[in-house]
Amino acid sequence: MVRRLARDVGKEIECVVASPSDITRLMDRRLGKGRTIFDHSWVEDYYMHVIKKGRKEIDFFQYRLSGSTDPTPETRQREIEISKWKY
């Protein structure tokens, strides 16, 4: 659609599809002329990918850097108290 809209005003553009999870593949392409523009939905997908990747890394380090995975008594008590207020 973007290419057609550009063509209608006399501009020829190249549209490239790239996965947000592997943006480095774009670097394999030849250097283009003009500007590179990322579609807003692609940018949103990229943000979500980075957030998910970061969450997995944080979970990994939290697990690896923690001692016992059993909740401490105070944590268990807190869970009991919080559960009283849930519907």
Protein backbone atom coordinates (compact mmCIF):
# COMPACT_ATOMS: atom_id res chain seq x y z
CA MET A 1 0.00 0.00 0.00
CA VAL A 2 2.83 2.41 0.88
CA ARG A 3 4.60 1.69 -2.40
CA ARG A 4 1.38 2.32 -4.36
CA LEU A 5 0.71 5.60 -2.54
CA ALA A 6 4.27 6.76 -3.29
CA ARG A 7 3.98 5.74 -6.93
CA ASP A 8 0.75 7.76 -7.23
CA VAL A 9 2.73 10.93 -6.39
CA GLY A 10 5.63 10.05 -8.70
CA LYS A 11 8.00 8.53 -6.14
CA GLU A 12 9.55 5.09 -6.39
CA ILE A 13 10.39 3.48 -3.08
CA GLU A 14 11.62 0.10 -1.90
CA CYS A 15 9.67 -1.64 0.84
CA VAL A 16 11.43 -4.27 2.91
CA VAL A 17 9.88 -6.62 5.44
CA ALA A 18 12.04 -7.44 8.45
CA SER A 19 11.28 -9.40 11.58
CA PRO A 20 11.47 -7.29 14.76
CA SER A 21 13.25 -10.21 16.41
CA ASP A 22 16.14 -10.10 13.88
CA ILE A 23 16.66 -6.50 12.79
CA THR A 24 20.36 -7.14 12.15
CA ARG A 25 19.42 -8.89 8.90
CA LEU A 26 18.71 -5.45 7.47
CA MET A 27 22.40 -4.66 7.78
CA ASP A 28 23.14 -7.31 5.13
CA ARG A 29 21.41 -5.17 2.52
CA ARG A 30 23.18 -2.58 0.45
CA LEU A 31 23.11 0.96 1.76
CA GLY A 32 20.09 2.69 0.31
CA LYS A 33 19.64 6.24 -0.84
CA GLY A 34 17.38 8.49 1.12
CA ARG A 35 15.78 7.62 4.43
CA THR A 36 14.84 4.41 6.19
CA ILE A 37 11.46 4.60 7.87
CA PHE A 38 9.97 2.00 10.19
CA ASP A 39 6.22 1.52 10.18
CA HIS A 40 4.56 2.34 13.53
CA SER A 41 3.20 -1.19 13.93
CA TRP A 42 6.69 -2.62 13.30
CA VAL A 43 8.13 -0.31 15.97
CA GLU A 44 5.49 -1.49 18.43
CA ASP A 45 6.31 -5.13 17.63
CA TYR A 46 10.01 -4.36 18.10
CA TYR A 47 9.36 -2.78 21.52
CA MET A 48 7.33 -5.81 22.60
CA HIS A 49 10.11 -8.15 21.43
CA VAL A 50 12.75 -6.21 23.38
CA ILE A 51 10.56 -6.10 26.51
CA LYS A 52 9.95 -9.87 26.36
CA LYS A 53 13.65 -10.52 25.81
CA GLY A 54 14.55 -8.27 28.74
CA ARG A 55 11.98 -9.97 30.97
CA LYS A 56 13.48 -13.38 30.15
CA GLU A 57 16.97 -12.10 30.96
CA ILE A 58 15.82 -10.60 34.27
CA ASP A 59 14.06 -13.86 35.18
CA PHE A 60 17.23 -15.80 34.31
CA PHE A 61 19.48 -13.62 36.47
CA GLN A 62 16.97 -13.52 39.31
CA TYR A 63 16.83 -17.32 39.33
CA ARG A 64 20.61 -17.76 38.99
CA LEU A 65 21.49 -15.17 41.62
CA SER A 66 18.92 -16.32 44.18
CA GLY A 67 19.48 -18.90 46.87
CA SER A 68 16.69 -21.26 47.80
CA THR A 69 13.55 -20.93 45.73
CA ASP A 70 11.36 -21.67 48.77
CA PRO A 71 9.55 -18.55 49.99
CA THR A 72 10.75 -17.18 53.29
CA PRO A 73 8.27 -17.28 56.20
CA GLU A 74 7.62 -13.55 55.92
CA THR A 75 6.91 -13.89 52.20
CA ARG A 76 4.47 -16.75 52.86
CA GLN A 77 2.73 -14.68 55.54
CA ARG A 78 2.49 -11.72 53.20
CA GLU A 79 0.91 -13.93 50.51
CA ILE A 80 -1.67 -15.12 53.05
CA GLU A 81 -2.50 -11.54 54.01
CA ILE A 82 -2.77 -10.40 50.39
CA SER A 83 -4.97 -13.38 49.49
CA LYS A 84 -7.51 -12.25 52.11
CA TRP A 85 -8.14 -9.10 50.09
CA LYS A 86 -8.52 -10.77 46.69
CA TYR A 87 -11.97 -11.47 45.34
